[in-house]
Structures are given as structure tokens and as C-alpha cells.
Amino acid sequence: MKMPREKRTYCPSCKAHTIHEVLRVKKRKASELKAGQRQFRRVMKGYGGFPRPQLKGAGKPTKKVSLILRCKECKKSHSVEGFRIKKLEIEEA
């Protein structure tokens, strides 16, 4: 799916429709200090198998994509609910 770099949509902080810059959400590095990650490291230590069942088959054909919209006027950002898509291209305007 092709999406324009700029989009005119509602800004909750301006309370008006303004032009927004469209950005794709990137996954950041997981923190080693989070409780779930500490538990995972503790379970993986020493002997034993993987603590969760491995995914059988191909899995899902698409991934969910989340977008961030940044207002050009007030520079505030808000996110858009993720939607399933095979490929996302953000076009240069």
C-alpha cells in the first residue's frame, strides 16, 4: 500500500484539521530490566528447553503496522491504531 508523506487529518492538541507528517513506528531495543525479560532470562538459564511453545507453520501472512502522525503546526504527535498490511510504502511528496 502506498501512503503519502503528508496527510490532512484531525489534531487533538490543535482541535482542528491540519497537515500531519506520516511516520512509521520502529521497534526499539527491549529493556533488559523489565520484569518479563528478567523472568525469561531466569528460565533460560541452565538446562531445559525453551519456555514457550515454538510457532508451527508459516504464521500470519501479514504484520500489523502502526503509524505516528506529527502535526506540522504544533509539532505534537499522536499514533494511529495498527492495521494489517503486507507492505507499506511512504511516498515522497
PDB file of N, CA and C in Angstrom:
ATOM      1  N   MET A   1       0.847  -1.173   0.000  1.00  0.00           N
ATOM      2  CA  MET A   1       0.000   0.000   0.000  1.00  0.00           C
ATOM      3  C   MET A   1       0.896   1.240   0.000  1.00  0.00           C
ATOM      4  N   LYS A   2       0.552   2.186  -0.818  1.00  0.00           N
ATOM      5  CA  LYS A   2       1.298   3.431  -0.884  1.00  0.00           C
ATOM      6  C   LYS A   2       0.563   4.485  -0.069  1.00  0.00           C
ATOM      7  N   MET A   3       1.327   5.231   0.749  1.00  0.00           N
ATOM      8  CA  MET A   3       0.737   6.259   1.593  1.00  0.00           C
ATOM      9  C   MET A   3       1.530   7.546   1.401  1.00  0.00           C
ATOM     10  N   PRO A   4       0.840   8.692   1.299  1.00  0.00           N
ATOM     11  CA  PRO A   4       1.563   9.951   1.129  1.00  0.00           C
ATOM     12  C   PRO A   4       2.339  10.329   2.389  1.00  0.00           C
ATOM     13  N   ARG A   5       3.423  11.082   2.218  1.00  0.00           N
ATOM     14  CA  ARG A   5       4.273  11.515   3.336  1.00  0.00           C
ATOM     15  C   ARG A   5       3.513  12.485   4.250  1.00  0.00           C
ATOM     16  N   GLU A   6       2.620  13.302   3.661  1.00  0.00           N
ATOM     17  CA  GLU A   6       1.829  14.259   4.432  1.00  0.00           C
ATOM     18  C   GLU A   6       0.349  13.963   4.256  1.00  0.00           C
ATOM     19  N   LYS A   7      -0.413  14.187   5.340  1.00  0.00           N
ATOM     20  CA  LYS A   7      -1.835  13.859   5.327  1.00  0.00           C
ATOM     21  C   LYS A   7      -2.581  14.914   6.134  1.00  0.00           C
ATOM     22  N   ARG A   8      -3.707  15.361   5.624  1.00  0.00           N
ATOM     23  CA  ARG A   8      -4.527  16.333   6.350  1.00  0.00           C
ATOM     24  C   ARG A   8      -5.524  15.570   7.203  1.00  0.00           C
ATOM     25  N   THR A   9      -5.381  15.688   8.528  1.00  0.00           N
ATOM     26  CA  THR A   9      -6.248  14.955   9.453  1.00  0.00           C
ATOM     27  C   THR A   9      -6.402  15.735  10.754  1.00  0.00           C
ATOM     28  N   TYR A  10      -7.222  15.224  11.662  1.00  0.00           N
ATOM     29  CA  TYR A  10      -7.549  15.910  12.909  1.00  0.00           C
ATOM     30  C   TYR A  10      -6.387  15.869  13.893  1.00  0.00           C
ATOM     31  N   CYS A  11      -6.070  17.006  14.488  1.00  0.00           N
ATOM     32  CA  CYS A  11      -5.034  17.094  15.527  1.00  0.00           C
ATOM     33  C   CYS A  11      -5.725  17.313  16.873  1.00  0.00           C
ATOM     34  N   PRO A  12      -5.565  16.376  17.831  1.00  0.00           N
ATOM     35  CA  PRO A  12      -6.236  16.528  19.125  1.00  0.00           C
ATOM     36  C   PRO A  12      -5.728  17.709  19.950  1.00  0.00           C
ATOM     37  N   SER A  13      -4.463  18.119  19.779  1.00  0.00           N
ATOM     38  CA  SER A  13      -3.953  19.240  20.566  1.00  0.00           C
ATOM     39  C   SER A  13      -4.377  20.587  19.967  1.00  0.00           C
ATOM     40  N   CYS A  14      -4.406  20.690  18.636  1.00  0.00           N
ATOM     41  CA  CYS A  14      -4.875  21.919  17.976  1.00  0.00           C
ATOM     42  C   CYS A  14      -6.405  21.988  17.946  1.00  0.00           C
ATOM     43  N   LYS A  15      -7.054  20.823  18.063  1.00  0.00           N
ATOM     44  CA  LYS A  15      -8.516  20.689  17.950  1.00  0.00           C
ATOM     45  C   LYS A  15      -9.018  21.199  16.593  1.00  0.00           C
ATOM     46  N   ALA A  16      -8.250  20.874  15.540  1.00  0.00           N
ATOM     47  CA  ALA A  16      -8.610  21.268  14.181  1.00  0.00           C
ATOM     48  C   ALA A  16      -7.946  20.320  13.205  1.00  0.00           C
ATOM     49  N   HIS A  17      -8.418  20.319  11.959  1.00  0.00           N
ATOM     50  CA  HIS A  17      -7.792  19.526  10.911  1.00  0.00           C
ATOM     51  C   HIS A  17      -6.582  20.293  10.372  1.00  0.00           C
ATOM     52  N   THR A  18      -5.412  19.668  10.459  1.00  0.00           N
ATOM     53  CA  THR A  18      -4.180  20.281   9.981  1.00  0.00           C
ATOM     54  C   THR A  18      -3.386  19.245   9.182  1.00  0.00           C
ATOM     55  N   ILE A  19      -2.300  19.689   8.562  1.00  0.00           N
ATOM     56  CA  ILE A  19      -1.437  18.779   7.801  1.00  0.00           C
ATOM     57  C   ILE A  19      -0.493  18.078   8.780  1.00  0.00           C
ATOM     58  N   HIS A  20      -0.404  16.764   8.649  1.00  0.00           N
ATOM     59  CA  HIS A  20       0.442  15.945   9.516  1.00  0.00           C
ATOM     60  C   HIS A  20       1.490  15.219   8.680  1.00  0.00           C
ATOM     61  N   GLU A  21       2.653  14.996   9.297  1.00  0.00           N
ATOM     62  CA  GLU A  21       3.707  14.191   8.697  1.00  0.00           C
ATOM     63  C   GLU A  21       3.475  12.745   9.127  1.00  0.00           C
ATOM     64  N   VAL A  22       3.531  11.805   8.191  1.00  0.00           N
ATOM     65  CA  VAL A  22       3.276  10.389   8.471  1.00  0.00           C
ATOM     66  C   VAL A  22       4.610   9.682   8.697  1.00  0.00           C
ATOM     67  N   LEU A  23       4.747   9.013   9.858  1.00  0.00           N
ATOM     68  CA  LEU A  23       5.958   8.269  10.201  1.00  0.00           C
ATOM     69  C   LEU A  23       5.585   6.850  10.584  1.00  0.00           C
ATOM     70  N   ARG A  24       6.463   5.917  10.258  1.00  0.00           N
ATOM     71  CA  ARG A  24       6.233   4.523  10.627  1.00  0.00           C
ATOM     72  C   ARG A  24       6.867   4.262  11.994  1.00  0.00           C
ATOM     73  N   VAL A  25       6.166   3.533  12.857  1.00  0.00           N
ATOM     74  CA  VAL A  25       6.695   3.208  14.180  1.00  0.00           C
ATOM     75  C   VAL A  25       7.759   2.140  14.038  1.00  0.00           C
ATOM     76  N   LYS A  26       8.941   2.394  14.622  1.00  0.00           N
ATOM     77  CA  LYS A  26      10.030   1.428  14.584  1.00  0.00           C
ATOM     78  C   LYS A  26      10.137   0.752  15.942  1.00  0.00           C
ATOM     79  N   LYS A  27      10.479  -0.541  15.923  1.00  0.00           N
ATOM     80  CA  LYS A  27      10.617  -1.281  17.165  1.00  0.00           C
ATOM     81  C   LYS A  27      11.942  -0.911  17.811  1.00  0.00           C
ATOM     82  N   ARG A  28      11.896  -0.555  19.101  1.00  0.00           N
ATOM     83  CA  ARG A  28      13.130  -0.212  19.789  1.00  0.00           C
ATOM     84  C   ARG A  28      13.663  -1.422  20.538  1.00  0.00           C
ATOM     85  N   LYS A  29      14.892  -1.332  21.001  1.00  0.00           N
ATOM     86  CA  LYS A  29      15.532  -2.438  21.694  1.00  0.00           C
ATOM     87  C   LYS A  29      14.819  -2.679  23.024  1.00  0.00           C
ATOM     88  N   ALA A  30      14.517  -3.953  23.319  1.00  0.00           N
ATOM     89  CA  ALA A  30      13.821  -4.294  24.554  1.00  0.00           C
ATOM     90  C   ALA A  30      14.733  -4.068  25.748  1.00  0.00           C
ATOM     91  N   SER A  31      14.164  -3.553  26.824  1.00  0.00           N
ATOM     92  CA  SER A  31      14.939  -3.291  28.033  1.00  0.00           C
ATOM     93  C   SER A  31      15.202  -4.588  28.783  1.00  0.00           C
ATOM     94  N   GLU A  32      16.431  -4.767  29.223  1.00  0.00           N
ATOM     95  CA  GLU A  32      16.796  -5.973  29.976  1.00  0.00           C
ATOM     96  C   GLU A  32      16.296  -5.911  31.418  1.00  0.00           C
ATOM     97  N   LEU A  33      15.847  -4.747  31.863  1.00  0.00           N
ATOM     98  CA  LEU A  33      15.426  -4.577  33.258  1.00  0.00           C
ATOM     99  C   LEU A  33      13.927  -4.820  33.466  1.00  0.00           C
ATOM    100  N   LYS A  34      13.164  -4.997  32.391  1.00  0.00           N
ATOM    101  CA  LYS A  34      11.729  -5.243  32.531  1.00  0.00           C
ATOM    102  C   LYS A  34      11.485  -6.602  33.188  1.00  0.00           C
ATOM    103  N   ALA A  35      10.369  -6.723  33.905  1.00  0.00           N
ATOM    104  CA  ALA A  35      10.074  -7.938  34.680  1.00  0.00           C
ATOM    105  C   ALA A  35       9.970  -9.167  33.784  1.00  0.00           C
ATOM    106  N   GLY A  36       9.316  -9.034  32.633  1.00  0.00           N
ATOM    107  CA  GLY A  36       9.159 -10.167  31.726  1.00  0.00           C
ATOM    108  C   GLY A  36      10.490 -10.647  31.166  1.00  0.00           C
ATOM    109  N   GLN A  37      11.372  -9.710  30.865  1.00  0.00           N
ATOM    110  CA  GLN A  37      12.681 -10.077  30.319  1.00  0.00           C
ATOM    111  C   GLN A  37      13.554 -10.728  31.386  1.00  0.00           C
ATOM    112  N   ARG A  38      13.450 -10.247  32.628  1.00  0.00           N
ATOM    113  CA  ARG A  38      14.201 -10.857  33.736  1.00  0.00           C
ATOM    114  C   ARG A  38      13.737 -12.285  33.979  1.00  0.00           C
ATOM    115  N   GLN A  39      12.416 -12.497  33.921  1.00  0.00           N
ATOM    116  CA  GLN A  39      11.861 -13.839  34.107  1.00  0.00           C
ATOM    117  C   GLN A  39      12.325 -14.760  32.971  1.00  0.00           C
ATOM    118  N   PHE A  40      12.314 -14.257  31.735  1.00  0.00           N
ATOM    119  CA  PHE A  40      12.748 -15.033  30.568  1.00  0.00           C
ATOM    120  C   PHE A  40      14.209 -15.457  30.715  1.00  0.00           C
ATOM    121  N   ARG A  41      15.073 -14.521  31.123  1.00  0.00           N
ATOM    122  CA  ARG A  41      16.496 -14.836  31.326  1.00  0.00           C
ATOM    123  C   ARG A  41      16.678 -15.875  32.430  1.00  0.00           C
ATOM    124  N   ARG A  42      15.886 -15.766  33.501  1.00  0.00           N
ATOM    125  CA  ARG A  42      15.979 -16.699  34.617  1.00  0.00           C
ATOM    126  C   ARG A  42      15.570 -18.111  34.183  1.00  0.00           C
ATOM    127  N   VAL A  43      14.508 -18.226  33.384  1.00  0.00           N
ATOM    128  CA  VAL A  43      14.023 -19.522  32.904  1.00  0.00           C
ATOM    129  C   VAL A  43      15.011 -20.130  31.910  1.00  0.00           C
ATOM    130  N   MET A  44      15.630 -19.288  31.066  1.00  0.00           N
ATOM    131  CA  MET A  44      16.552 -19.778  30.048  1.00  0.00           C
ATOM    132  C   MET A  44      17.903 -20.206  30.622  1.00  0.00           C
ATOM    133  N   LYS A  45      18.208 -19.786  31.840  1.00  0.00           N
ATOM    134  CA  LYS A  45      19.496 -20.104  32.448  1.00  0.00           C
ATOM    135  C   LYS A  45      19.603 -21.599  32.747  1.00  0.00           C
ATOM    136  N   GLY A  46      20.742 -22.198  32.484  1.00  0.00           N
ATOM    137  CA  GLY A  46      20.966 -23.605  32.829  1.00  0.00           C
ATOM    138  C   GLY A  46      20.354 -24.554  31.820  1.00  0.00           C
ATOM    139  N   TYR A  47      20.011 -25.756  32.268  1.00  0.00           N
ATOM    140  CA  TYR A  47      19.451 -26.785  31.395  1.00  0.00           C
ATOM    141  C   TYR A  47      17.952 -26.582  31.216  1.00  0.00           C
ATOM    142  N   GLY A  48      17.378 -27.237  30.214  1.00  0.00           N
ATOM    143  CA  GLY A  48      15.941 -27.145  29.986  1.00  0.00           C
ATOM    144  C   GLY A  48      15.660 -26.606  28.598  1.00  0.00           C
ATOM    145  N   GLY A  49      14.434 -26.781  28.171  1.00  0.00           N
ATOM    146  CA  GLY A  49      14.042 -26.349  26.838  1.00  0.00           C
ATOM    147  C   GLY A  49      13.569 -24.913  26.832  1.00  0.00           C
ATOM    148  N   PHE A  50      13.086 -24.496  25.676  1.00  0.00           N
ATOM    149  CA  PHE A  50      12.561 -23.140  25.518  1.00  0.00           C
ATOM    150  C   PHE A  50      11.268 -23.019  26.318  1.00  0.00           C
ATOM    151  N   PRO A  51      11.061 -21.925  27.064  1.00  0.00           N
ATOM    152  CA  PRO A  51       9.907 -21.839  27.958  1.00  0.00           C
ATOM    153  C   PRO A  51       8.550 -21.692  27.272  1.00  0.00           C
ATOM    154  N   ARG A  52       8.551 -21.326  25.989  1.00  0.00           N
ATOM    155  CA  ARG A  52       7.268 -21.154  25.292  1.00  0.00           C
ATOM    156  C   ARG A  52       7.216 -22.089  24.098  1.00  0.00           C
ATOM    157  N   PRO A  53       6.024 -22.523  23.681  1.00  0.00           N
ATOM    158  CA  PRO A  53       5.948 -23.396  22.506  1.00  0.00           C
ATOM    159  C   PRO A  53       6.351 -22.647  21.242  1.00  0.00           C
ATOM    160  N   GLN A  54       7.112 -23.323  20.376  1.00  0.00           N
ATOM    161  CA  GLN A  54       7.539 -22.714  19.123  1.00  0.00           C
ATOM    162  C   GLN A  54       6.370 -22.698  18.144  1.00  0.00           C
ATOM    163  N   LEU A  55       6.295 -21.642  17.315  1.00  0.00           N
ATOM    164  CA  LEU A  55       5.216 -21.479  16.359  1.00  0.00           C
ATOM    165  C   LEU A  55       5.354 -22.512  15.246  1.00  0.00           C
ATOM    166  N   LYS A  56       4.308 -23.293  15.040  1.00  0.00           N
ATOM    167  CA  LYS A  56       4.303 -24.303  13.974  1.00  0.00           C
ATOM    168  C   LYS A  56       3.665 -23.686  12.726  1.00  0.00           C
ATOM    169  N   GLY A  57       4.207 -23.969  11.572  1.00  0.00           N
ATOM    170  CA  GLY A  57       3.645 -23.457  10.324  1.00  0.00           C
ATOM    171  C   GLY A  57       4.239 -22.108   9.961  1.00  0.00           C
ATOM    172  N   ALA A  58       3.609 -21.457   9.022  1.00  0.00           N
ATOM    173  CA  ALA A  58       4.131 -20.213   8.461  1.00  0.00           C
ATOM    174  C   ALA A  58       3.806 -19.002   9.316  1.00  0.00           C
ATOM    175  N   GLY A  59       2.825 -19.102  10.212  1.00  0.00           N
ATOM    176  CA  GLY A  59       2.426 -17.935  10.984  1.00  0.00           C
ATOM    177  C   GLY A  59       1.448 -17.083  10.198  1.00  0.00           C
ATOM    178  N   LYS A  60       1.380 -15.820  10.539  1.00  0.00           N
ATOM    179  CA  LYS A  60       0.419 -14.936   9.882  1.00  0.00           C
ATOM    180  C   LYS A  60       1.017 -14.381   8.592  1.00  0.00           C
ATOM    181  N   PRO A  61       0.193 -14.190   7.552  1.00  0.00           N
ATOM    182  CA  PRO A  61       0.715 -13.702   6.276  1.00  0.00           C
ATOM    183  C   PRO A  61       1.067 -12.211   6.295  1.00  0.00           C
ATOM    184  N   THR A  62       0.510 -11.469   7.251  1.00  0.00           N
ATOM    185  CA  THR A  62       0.770 -10.031   7.317  1.00  0.00           C
ATOM    186  C   THR A  62       1.174  -9.640   8.730  1.00  0.00           C
ATOM    187  N   LYS A  63       1.795  -8.473   8.847  1.00  0.00           N
ATOM    188  CA  LYS A  63       2.153  -7.911  10.147  1.00  0.00           C
ATOM    189  C   LYS A  63       1.338  -6.636  10.349  1.00  0.00           C
ATOM    190  N   LYS A  64       1.121  -6.284  11.626  1.00  0.00           N
ATOM    191  CA  LYS A  64       0.419  -5.045  11.917  1.00  0.00           C
ATOM    192  C   LYS A  64       1.391  -3.878  11.829  1.00  0.00           C
ATOM    193  N   VAL A  65       0.953  -2.797  11.186  1.00  0.00           N
ATOM    194  CA  VAL A  65       1.765  -1.602  11.026  1.00  0.00           C
ATOM    195  C   VAL A  65       1.114  -0.480  11.809  1.00  0.00           C
ATOM    196  N   SER A  66       1.898   0.208  12.637  1.00  0.00           N
ATOM    197  CA  SER A  66       1.407   1.369  13.370  1.00  0.00           C
ATOM    198  C   SER A  66       2.039   2.622  12.785  1.00  0.00           C
ATOM    199  N   LEU A  67       1.295   3.706  12.788  1.00  0.00           N
ATOM    200  CA  LEU A  67       1.779   4.969  12.247  1.00  0.00           C
ATOM    201  C   LEU A  67       1.762   6.045  13.322  1.00  0.00           C
ATOM    202  N   ILE A  68       2.684   6.992  13.198  1.00  0.00           N
ATOM    203  CA  ILE A  68       2.687   8.179  14.044  1.00  0.00           C
ATOM    204  C   ILE A  68       2.402   9.365  13.140  1.00  0.00           C
ATOM    205  N   LEU A  69       1.479  10.215  13.552  1.00  0.00           N
ATOM    206  CA  LEU A  69       1.164  11.432  12.806  1.00  0.00           C
ATOM    207  C   LEU A  69       1.670  12.620  13.610  1.00  0.00           C
ATOM    208  N   ARG A  70       2.569  13.433  13.016  1.00  0.00           N
ATOM    209  CA  ARG A  70       3.115  14.603  13.693  1.00  0.00           C
ATOM    210  C   ARG A  70       2.561  15.857  13.033  1.00  0.00           C
ATOM    211  N   CYS A  71       1.909  16.690  13.837  1.00  0.00           N
ATOM    212  CA  CYS A  71       1.290  17.917  13.340  1.00  0.00           C
ATOM    213  C   CYS A  71       2.367  18.906  12.901  1.00  0.00           C
ATOM    214  N   LYS A  72       2.170  19.524  11.746  1.00  0.00           N
ATOM    215  CA  LYS A  72       3.140  20.482  11.211  1.00  0.00           C
ATOM    216  C   LYS A  72       3.079  21.818  11.957  1.00  0.00           C
ATOM    217  N   GLU A  73       1.918  22.131  12.573  1.00  0.00           N
ATOM    218  CA  GLU A  73       1.756  23.419  13.240  1.00  0.00           C
ATOM    219  C   GLU A  73       2.249  23.389  14.683  1.00  0.00           C
ATOM    220  N   CYS A  74       1.764  22.420  15.477  1.00  0.00           N
ATOM    221  CA  CYS A  74       2.128  22.389  16.891  1.00  0.00           C
ATOM    222  C   CYS A  74       3.243  21.391  17.199  1.00  0.00           C
ATOM    223  N   LYS A  75       3.655  20.594  16.217  1.00  0.00           N
ATOM    224  CA  LYS A  75       4.739  19.605  16.332  1.00  0.00           C
ATOM    225  C   LYS A  75       4.429  18.475  17.319  1.00  0.00           C
ATOM    226  N   LYS A  76       3.172  18.322  17.742  1.00  0.00           N
ATOM    227  CA  LYS A  76       2.804  17.229  18.647  1.00  0.00           C
ATOM    228  C   LYS A  76       2.466  16.002  17.808  1.00  0.00           C
ATOM    229  N   SER A  77       2.718  14.815  18.378  1.00  0.00           N
ATOM    230  CA  SER A  77       2.479  13.564  17.666  1.00  0.00           C
ATOM    231  C   SER A  77       1.360  12.781  18.322  1.00  0.00           C
ATOM    232  N   HIS A  78       0.641  12.024  17.520  1.00  0.00           N
ATOM    233  CA  HIS A  78      -0.296  11.043  18.053  1.00  0.00           C
ATOM    234  C   HIS A  78      -0.264   9.819  17.136  1.00  0.00           C
ATOM    235  N   SER A  79      -0.550   8.669  17.741  1.00  0.00           N
ATOM    236  CA  SER A  79      -0.430   7.422  16.993  1.00  0.00           C
ATOM    237  C   SER A  79      -1.771   7.002  16.418  1.00  0.00           C
ATOM    238  N   VAL A  80      -1.701   6.170  15.392  1.00  0.00           N
ATOM    239  CA  VAL A  80      -2.869   5.627  14.720  1.00  0.00           C
ATOM    240  C   VAL A  80      -2.923   4.137  15.045  1.00  0.00           C
ATOM    241  N   GLU A  81      -4.114   3.616  15.249  1.00  0.00           N
ATOM    242  CA  GLU A  81      -4.274   2.199  15.550  1.00  0.00           C
ATOM    243  C   GLU A  81      -3.686   1.357  14.422  1.00  0.00           C
ATOM    244  N   GLY A  82      -2.981   0.285  14.790  1.00  0.00           N
ATOM    245  CA  GLY A  82      -2.310  -0.558  13.806  1.00  0.00           C
ATOM    246  C   GLY A  82      -3.289  -1.278  12.889  1.00  0.00           C
ATOM    247  N   PHE A  83      -2.863  -1.501  11.651  1.00  0.00           N
ATOM    248  CA  PHE A  83      -3.690  -2.230  10.696  1.00  0.00           C
ATOM    249  C   PHE A  83      -2.811  -3.222   9.954  1.00  0.00           C
ATOM    250  N   ARG A  84      -3.411  -4.313   9.490  1.00  0.00           N
ATOM    251  CA  ARG A  84      -2.665  -5.388   8.833  1.00  0.00           C
ATOM    252  C   ARG A  84      -2.422  -5.045   7.371  1.00  0.00           C
ATOM    253  N   ILE A  85      -1.162  -5.225   6.961  1.00  0.00           N
ATOM    254  CA  ILE A  85      -0.784  -4.906   5.595  1.00  0.00           C
ATOM    255  C   ILE A  85       0.502  -5.671   5.274  1.00  0.00           C
ATOM    256  N   LYS A  86       0.657  -6.099   4.023  1.00  0.00           N
ATOM    257  CA  LYS A  86       1.865  -6.832   3.660  1.00  0.00           C
ATOM    258  C   LYS A  86       3.051  -5.909   3.506  1.00  0.00           C
ATOM    259  N   LYS A  87       2.858  -4.773   2.823  1.00  0.00           N
ATOM    260  CA  LYS A  87       3.966  -3.864   2.558  1.00  0.00           C
ATOM    261  C   LYS A  87       3.458  -2.442   2.591  1.00  0.00           C
ATOM    262  N   LEU A  88       4.188  -1.552   3.251  1.00  0.00           N
ATOM    263  CA  LEU A  88       3.813  -0.143   3.338  1.00  0.00           C
ATOM    264  C   LEU A  88       4.918   0.701   2.747  1.00  0.00           C
ATOM    265  N   GLU A  89       4.546   1.544   1.787  1.00  0.00           N
ATOM    266  CA  GLU A  89       5.482   2.495   1.185  1.00  0.00           C
ATOM    267  C   GLU A  89       5.008   3.892   1.494  1.00  0.00           C
ATOM    268  N   ILE A  90       5.868   4.682   2.146  1.00  0.00           N
ATOM    269  CA  ILE A  90       5.533   6.088   2.390  1.00  0.00           C
ATOM    270  C   ILE A  90       6.190   6.892   1.272  1.00  0.00           C
ATOM    271  N   GLU A  91       5.343   7.496   0.426  1.00  0.00           N
ATOM    272  CA  GLU A  91       5.822   8.189  -0.772  1.00  0.00           C
ATOM    273  C   GLU A  91       6.345   9.572  -0.426  1.00  0.00           C
ATOM    274  N   GLU A  92       7.344  10.004  -1.154  1.00  0.00           N
ATOM    275  CA  GLU A  92       7.849  11.378  -1.043  1.00  0.00           C
ATOM    276  C   GLU A  92       6.904  12.295  -1.795  1.00  0.00           C
ATOM    277  N   ALA A  93       6.534  13.397  -1.164  1.00  0.00           N
ATOM    278  CA  ALA A  93       5.588  14.325  -1.804  1.00  0.00           C
ATOM    279  C   ALA A  93       6.287  15.314  -2.692  1.00  0.00           C
TER     280      ALA A  93
END
